[in-house]
Amino acid sequence: MATYFENGEDTLVPGALRGFARAHADLLTLDAAHGFLRARDTAPTRRVGLLSGGGSGHEPLHAGYVGRGMLDVACPGLVFASPHNRQVYEGSLAAARSQGVLHIVKNYTGDRINFGIAAERLAHRDVPCARVLVDDDLATDSKDIAAGRRGTGGTVLIEKILGAAADTGLGLQGLQELGTRLAASCRTLAVASAAHTAPTTGRPAFLLDSDELEYGVGIHGERAPKTIPRGPLGPLVERMALALLEALSPARDSSVIALVNGLGAVTPLELYAVHAELGDLLDDQGIELARSLVGEYITSLDMRGFSITLLVTDPQILRLYDAPVRTAALHW
């Protein structure tokens, strides 16, 4: 049995937030009473504040993206649990600018409910609020799943691009329209050879044999639609990338931004090998790999797995992506 280093039940998340805020005190502050992190420095040209949030256990998402060029506020819930609507409401009041606040929401039932309640409360205060729903998980793209595709790795890219757009002074409707277009142009697939360790039990969330791979796993440890035989990396990345390209249907000579993301327990050595295979496959398909992120950007505690995200892009989106950013987890 593996256990987490913590003082006791329900202490890990609040302790981590206090430590994170102290480590990055130049970038953000922690409102411990209301449970959100707020950027110290965002562009004065913003007319709309950006807020996102979700369960803890996915670090650096979302707290790591609070700061100049990205989020004004992040609302972290407990491990794999939505933030409370009160957190989102209070964080939105702190984030709102002259044209209100934009919520960037991953498509999970709890998140949609709590962000929705917060938005209703904001309407009673006459605070303009709009939502961008991130639903990029290809593994859950099925008519049999009532909730629709889950929100996963694409969240990082969308938060970055919308942050830059907000810095230009784009209004609430324009940001919502851009975010909706980005979400439609983005898909992710994740695989895992071992589950995360559940904090409540100290045991793996599910078991796989050494010759098995979970193909299409969720970031909360949701089992994939299929378990496949484990084999060499090249054919696996090819299968994943071709599935993403089929879903996105980019024209030949299109450009993409790629995120090769570790889910918590995969080494950088492996992730860069994934990126090499991905780049070769895109070259063969006539797709330009315009920008790349390789590393741990949205994790699932200590899951041994990785995800690939592709976002079909254009010159305008690339300019926004390249705009300066200064957060704990992303900076250029």
Protein backbone atom coordinates (compact mmCIF):
# COMPACT_ATOMS: atom_id res chain seq x y z
CA MET A 1 0.00 0.00 0.00
CA ALA A 2 1.34 3.44 -0.98
CA THR A 3 0.32 6.47 1.07
CA TYR A 4 0.71 10.18 0.47
CA PHE A 5 2.83 12.43 2.66
CA GLU A 6 0.24 14.45 4.56
CA ASN A 7 -0.75 15.43 8.07
CA GLY A 8 -4.09 13.68 7.96
CA GLU A 9 -7.30 13.27 6.02
CA ASP A 10 -8.32 16.37 4.04
CA THR A 11 -5.10 18.25 4.84
CA LEU A 12 -3.18 17.62 1.62
CA VAL A 13 -4.95 20.13 -0.63
CA PRO A 14 -5.09 23.10 1.78
CA GLY A 15 -1.50 22.48 2.83
CA ALA A 16 -0.36 22.33 -0.79
CA LEU A 17 -2.20 25.55 -1.63
CA ARG A 18 -0.55 27.39 1.25
CA GLY A 19 2.83 26.11 0.16
CA PHE A 20 2.22 26.94 -3.48
CA ALA A 21 1.17 30.50 -2.65
CA ARG A 22 4.21 31.00 -0.49
CA ALA A 23 6.58 29.57 -3.11
CA HIS A 24 5.14 31.87 -5.80
CA ALA A 25 4.28 34.90 -3.72
CA ASP A 26 5.61 37.19 -6.44
CA LEU A 27 2.96 35.89 -8.84
CA LEU A 28 -0.19 35.25 -6.82
CA THR A 29 -2.01 35.35 -3.52
CA LEU A 30 -4.20 32.77 -1.78
CA ASP A 31 -7.62 33.77 -0.49
CA ALA A 32 -7.81 31.02 2.10
CA ALA A 33 -11.25 32.10 3.33
CA HIS A 34 -12.84 31.62 -0.09
CA GLY A 35 -10.47 29.02 -1.54
CA PHE A 36 -9.05 30.65 -4.66
CA LEU A 37 -5.72 31.89 -6.00
CA ARG A 38 -5.50 35.35 -7.59
CA ALA A 39 -2.83 36.81 -9.85
CA ARG A 40 -0.90 39.78 -8.50
CA ASP A 41 -0.14 41.15 -11.95
CA THR A 42 -2.32 40.93 -15.05
CA ALA A 43 -2.46 43.30 -17.99
CA PRO A 44 -4.26 46.60 -17.29
CA THR A 45 -5.62 46.40 -20.85
CA ARG A 46 -7.91 43.52 -19.88
CA ARG A 47 -11.62 44.25 -19.96
CA VAL A 48 -12.55 40.69 -18.97
CA GLY A 49 -11.14 38.58 -16.16
CA LEU A 50 -10.36 34.90 -16.79
CA LEU A 51 -11.21 32.23 -14.22
CA SER A 52 -10.82 28.48 -14.34
CA GLY A 53 -10.78 25.67 -11.83
CA GLY A 54 -11.41 22.04 -11.10
CA GLY A 55 -10.28 19.23 -8.89
CA SER A 56 -6.83 19.11 -7.34
CA GLY A 57 -4.48 16.30 -8.28
CA HIS A 58 -3.89 17.67 -11.79
CA GLU A 59 -1.05 20.03 -10.92
CA PRO A 60 0.14 22.32 -12.34
CA LEU A 61 -3.43 22.78 -13.67
CA HIS A 62 -4.98 25.20 -12.71
CA ALA A 63 -3.02 27.08 -10.06
CA GLY A 64 0.16 26.93 -12.11
CA TYR A 65 -1.44 29.05 -14.82
CA VAL A 66 -2.41 32.03 -12.66
CA GLY A 67 -0.45 35.11 -13.64
CA ARG A 68 0.47 37.51 -16.39
CA GLY A 69 -0.84 36.36 -19.76
CA MET A 70 -3.13 33.59 -18.46
CA LEU A 71 -5.62 33.32 -15.60
CA ASP A 72 -6.67 36.01 -13.16
CA VAL A 73 -8.08 33.42 -10.74
CA ALA A 74 -8.01 29.66 -10.24
CA CYS A 75 -10.45 27.78 -7.99
CA PRO A 76 -9.11 24.37 -6.89
CA GLY A 77 -11.44 21.75 -5.46
CA LEU A 78 -10.50 18.71 -3.44
CA VAL A 79 -8.75 15.84 -5.22
CA PHE A 80 -10.66 15.08 -8.43
CA ALA A 81 -13.65 17.10 -7.16
CA SER A 82 -15.24 20.25 -8.52
CA PRO A 83 -14.71 23.51 -6.63
CA HIS A 84 -17.75 24.64 -4.68
CA ASN A 85 -19.97 27.19 -6.39
CA ARG A 86 -19.19 29.61 -3.56
CA GLN A 87 -15.47 29.46 -4.47
CA VAL A 88 -16.25 30.16 -8.11
CA TYR A 89 -18.61 33.01 -7.21
CA GLU A 90 -16.17 34.75 -4.86
CA GLY A 91 -13.27 34.16 -7.23
CA SER A 92 -15.31 35.61 -10.09
CA LEU A 93 -16.01 38.78 -8.13
CA ALA A 94 -12.26 39.11 -7.57
CA ALA A 95 -11.43 38.42 -11.23
CA ALA A 96 -14.13 40.51 -12.93
CA ARG A 97 -13.12 43.55 -14.97
CA SER A 98 -15.23 46.24 -16.64
CA GLN A 99 -16.83 43.69 -19.02
CA GLY A 100 -17.11 40.90 -16.49
CA VAL A 101 -15.53 37.46 -16.23
CA LEU A 102 -15.07 34.45 -18.50
CA HIS A 103 -15.26 30.95 -17.00
CA ILE A 104 -13.11 28.28 -18.67
CA VAL A 105 -14.77 25.02 -17.64
CA LYS A 106 -13.74 21.41 -18.25
CA ASN A 107 -16.70 19.27 -19.25
CA TYR A 108 -17.55 17.32 -16.09
CA THR A 109 -20.96 17.24 -14.48
CA GLY A 110 -19.86 18.67 -11.13
CA ASP A 111 -17.90 21.50 -12.73
CA ARG A 112 -20.78 22.43 -15.02
CA ILE A 113 -23.23 22.50 -12.10
CA ASN A 114 -21.06 24.55 -9.76
CA PHE A 115 -19.86 27.02 -12.38
CA GLY A 116 -23.46 27.33 -13.55
CA ILE A 117 -24.73 28.17 -10.05
CA ALA A 118 -21.96 30.73 -9.65
CA ALA A 119 -22.90 32.32 -12.98
CA GLU A 120 -26.52 32.62 -11.85
CA ARG A 121 -25.40 34.34 -8.66
CA LEU A 122 -23.21 36.72 -10.67
CA ALA A 123 -26.18 37.61 -12.87
CA HIS A 124 -28.08 38.70 -9.74
CA ARG A 125 -25.17 41.04 -9.02
CA ASP A 126 -25.22 42.32 -12.63
CA VAL A 127 -21.73 40.96 -13.24
CA PRO A 128 -21.45 39.86 -16.90
CA CYS A 129 -20.31 36.23 -17.16
CA ALA A 130 -19.81 33.82 -20.05
CA ARG A 131 -18.47 30.28 -20.31
CA VAL A 132 -16.13 28.35 -22.58
CA LEU A 133 -16.62 24.60 -22.24
CA VAL A 134 -13.54 22.49 -22.95
CA ASP A 135 -14.50 19.05 -24.25
CA ASP A 136 -11.44 17.72 -26.07
CA ASP A 137 -11.23 14.07 -24.92
CA LEU A 138 -11.57 11.89 -28.02
CA ALA A 139 -12.03 8.70 -25.95
CA THR A 140 -15.43 9.91 -24.78
CA ASP A 141 -16.66 11.12 -28.16
CA SER A 142 -19.69 8.84 -28.26
CA LYS A 143 -23.44 9.25 -28.58
CA ASP A 144 -23.75 6.73 -25.74
CA ILE A 145 -22.16 9.17 -23.27
CA ALA A 146 -24.81 11.68 -22.28
CA ALA A 147 -22.37 14.14 -20.70
CA GLY A 148 -20.29 14.39 -23.87
CA ARG A 149 -16.54 14.54 -24.26
CA ARG A 150 -14.50 15.17 -21.12
CA GLY A 151 -12.25 18.22 -20.75
CA THR A 152 -8.55 17.33 -20.56
CA GLY A 153 -5.21 18.52 -21.95
CA GLY A 154 -6.63 21.08 -24.35
CA THR A 155 -7.51 23.22 -21.34
CA VAL A 156 -3.88 24.32 -21.00
CA LEU A 157 -3.62 25.55 -24.59
CA ILE A 158 -7.01 27.26 -24.48
CA GLU A 159 -6.19 29.08 -21.24
CA LYS A 160 -2.91 30.31 -22.75
CA ILE A 161 -4.44 31.60 -25.97
CA LEU A 162 -7.45 33.18 -24.28
CA GLY A 163 -5.14 34.85 -21.78
CA ALA A 164 -3.24 36.53 -24.57
CA ALA A 165 -6.48 37.53 -26.29
CA ALA A 166 -7.80 39.04 -23.06
CA ASP A 167 -4.60 41.08 -22.79
CA THR A 168 -5.41 42.71 -26.14
CA GLY A 169 -8.65 44.07 -24.66
CA LEU A 170 -10.98 41.67 -26.45
CA GLY A 171 -14.49 41.77 -24.99
CA LEU A 172 -16.49 39.05 -23.30
CA GLN A 173 -18.40 37.89 -26.38
CA GLY A 174 -15.25 37.86 -28.50
CA LEU A 175 -13.38 35.78 -25.93
CA GLN A 176 -16.25 33.32 -25.64
CA GLU A 177 -16.44 32.95 -29.43
CA LEU A 178 -12.67 32.45 -29.69
CA GLY A 179 -12.66 29.91 -26.87
CA THR A 180 -15.52 27.97 -28.43
CA ARG A 181 -13.65 27.87 -31.75
CA LEU A 182 -10.48 26.69 -30.02
CA ALA A 183 -12.34 23.93 -28.19
CA ALA A 184 -13.82 22.71 -31.48
CA SER A 185 -10.33 22.63 -33.04
CA CYS A 186 -8.71 20.60 -30.26
CA ARG A 187 -8.68 16.90 -29.34
CA THR A 188 -6.76 14.79 -26.81
CA LEU A 189 -6.09 11.08 -26.22
CA ALA A 190 -4.48 9.57 -23.13
CA VAL A 191 -3.01 6.14 -22.37
CA ALA A 192 -1.74 4.58 -19.15
CA SER A 193 0.18 1.50 -18.13
CA ALA A 194 -0.67 1.96 -14.43
CA ALA A 195 -3.37 3.81 -12.53
CA HIS A 196 -2.90 6.60 -10.03
CA THR A 197 -2.77 5.81 -6.33
CA ALA A 198 -6.12 6.65 -4.74
CA PRO A 199 -5.54 8.95 -1.72
CA THR A 200 -8.44 7.40 0.21
CA THR A 201 -7.18 3.81 -0.01
CA GLY A 202 -3.49 4.02 -0.86
CA ARG A 203 -4.10 1.48 -3.62
CA PRO A 204 -4.15 1.75 -7.43
CA ALA A 205 -7.47 2.96 -8.79
CA PHE A 206 -7.44 0.01 -11.22
CA LEU A 207 -5.10 -2.84 -12.09
CA LEU A 208 -3.43 -3.71 -15.39
CA ASP A 209 -1.20 -6.60 -16.31
CA SER A 210 2.34 -5.76 -17.41
CA ASP A 211 1.44 -6.46 -21.04
CA GLU A 212 -1.68 -4.25 -21.04
CA LEU A 213 -2.33 -0.59 -21.75
CA GLU A 214 -5.42 1.46 -20.96
CA TYR A 215 -6.23 3.29 -24.22
CA GLY A 216 -8.35 6.39 -23.66
CA VAL A 217 -7.99 6.72 -19.89
CA GLY A 218 -9.49 9.73 -18.07
CA ILE A 219 -7.59 12.20 -15.91
CA HIS A 220 -9.63 11.17 -12.84
CA GLY A 221 -8.65 7.55 -13.32
CA GLU A 222 -11.72 6.67 -15.36
CA ARG A 223 -11.20 3.38 -17.15
CA ALA A 224 -10.77 3.58 -20.90
CA PRO A 225 -13.28 2.19 -23.41
CA LYS A 226 -10.69 -0.44 -24.25
CA THR A 227 -7.61 -2.16 -22.85
CA ILE A 228 -5.08 -3.00 -25.55
CA PRO A 229 -1.90 -5.10 -25.69
CA ARG A 230 1.20 -3.15 -24.85
CA GLY A 231 3.74 -2.85 -27.66
CA PRO A 232 6.43 -0.55 -29.10
CA LEU A 233 6.04 3.21 -28.78
CA GLY A 234 6.02 4.06 -32.48
CA PRO A 235 2.85 2.17 -33.46
CA LEU A 236 1.09 3.43 -30.31
CA VAL A 237 1.82 7.09 -31.06
CA GLU A 238 0.85 6.55 -34.69
CA ARG A 239 -2.49 5.07 -33.63
CA MET A 240 -3.17 7.95 -31.26
CA ALA A 241 -2.11 10.70 -33.65
CA LEU A 242 -4.03 9.30 -36.62
CA ALA A 243 -7.16 9.06 -34.48
CA LEU A 244 -6.77 12.70 -33.44
CA LEU A 245 -6.20 13.82 -37.02
CA GLU A 246 -9.21 11.86 -38.22
CA ALA A 247 -11.37 13.61 -35.63
CA LEU A 248 -10.02 17.07 -36.45
CA SER A 249 -9.84 16.61 -40.24
CA PRO A 250 -7.19 19.28 -40.87
CA ALA A 251 -6.38 20.07 -44.48
CA ARG A 252 -2.98 18.97 -45.74
CA ASP A 253 -0.42 21.74 -45.06
CA SER A 254 -2.35 22.75 -41.94
CA SER A 255 -0.49 23.67 -38.75
CA VAL A 256 -1.00 22.30 -35.25
CA ILE A 257 0.12 23.05 -31.73
CA ALA A 258 0.97 19.82 -29.89
CA LEU A 259 0.97 19.08 -26.18
CA VAL A 260 2.78 15.89 -25.14
CA ASN A 261 1.79 15.65 -21.50
CA GLY A 262 2.88 13.37 -18.68
CA LEU A 263 0.14 12.18 -16.35
CA GLY A 264 2.34 12.06 -13.27
CA ALA A 265 4.84 9.20 -13.38
CA VAL A 266 6.31 9.14 -16.89
CA THR A 267 9.88 10.35 -17.31
CA PRO A 268 10.91 13.28 -19.52
CA LEU A 269 13.02 10.82 -21.49
CA GLU A 270 9.86 8.95 -22.50
CA LEU A 271 7.86 12.08 -23.23
CA TYR A 272 10.48 13.41 -25.63
CA ALA A 273 10.52 10.03 -27.35
CA VAL A 274 6.75 10.36 -27.77
CA HIS A 275 7.28 13.82 -29.24
CA ALA A 276 9.82 12.49 -31.73
CA GLU A 277 7.40 9.83 -32.95
CA LEU A 278 4.59 12.38 -33.14
CA GLY A 279 6.70 14.81 -35.16
CA ASP A 280 7.67 12.10 -37.65
CA LEU A 281 4.04 11.07 -38.10
CA LEU A 282 2.88 14.66 -38.66
CA ASP A 283 5.66 15.18 -41.21
CA ASP A 284 4.47 12.09 -43.09
CA GLN A 285 0.91 13.45 -43.07
CA GLY A 286 1.93 16.85 -44.39
CA ILE A 287 0.92 18.62 -41.16
CA GLU A 288 3.21 21.32 -39.78
CA LEU A 289 4.13 20.94 -36.11
CA ALA A 290 4.12 24.68 -35.48
CA ARG A 291 4.57 24.72 -31.69
CA SER A 292 5.12 22.09 -28.98
CA LEU A 293 4.86 21.70 -25.24
CA VAL A 294 6.46 18.61 -23.72
CA GLY A 295 6.28 17.88 -20.00
CA GLU A 296 3.81 17.64 -17.13
CA TYR A 297 1.07 20.23 -17.61
CA ILE A 298 -2.10 18.41 -16.50
CA THR A 299 -1.46 15.33 -14.39
CA SER A 300 -3.49 12.64 -12.65
CA LEU A 301 -1.62 12.34 -9.36
CA ASP A 302 0.95 9.57 -9.99
CA MET A 303 -0.64 7.87 -12.99
CA ARG A 304 1.90 6.23 -15.29
CA GLY A 305 0.66 7.48 -18.60
CA PHE A 306 0.73 10.29 -21.14
CA SER A 307 -1.63 12.25 -23.34
CA ILE A 308 -1.31 13.85 -26.76
CA THR A 309 -3.26 17.00 -27.60
CA LEU A 310 -3.46 18.54 -31.07
CA LEU A 311 -4.89 22.00 -31.70
CA VAL A 312 -5.37 23.05 -35.32
CA THR A 313 -4.04 26.58 -35.58
CA ASP A 314 -3.59 29.59 -37.85
CA PRO A 315 -1.36 32.72 -37.83
CA GLN A 316 -3.67 34.64 -35.50
CA ILE A 317 -3.78 31.81 -32.96
CA LEU A 318 -0.01 31.35 -33.17
CA ARG A 319 0.54 35.04 -32.43
CA LEU A 320 -1.63 34.74 -29.34
CA TYR A 321 0.10 31.52 -28.29
CA ASP A 322 3.52 33.20 -28.65
CA ALA A 323 2.54 36.22 -26.56
CA PRO A 324 4.50 36.61 -23.29
CA VAL A 325 3.30 34.67 -20.28
CA ARG A 326 4.55 34.59 -16.69
CA THR A 327 3.03 31.97 -14.41
CA ALA A 328 4.48 29.35 -12.09
CA ALA A 329 4.19 26.59 -14.71
CA LEU A 330 4.38 28.44 -18.02
CA HIS A 331 6.61 31.40 -18.87
CA TRP A 332 8.21 32.87 -21.99
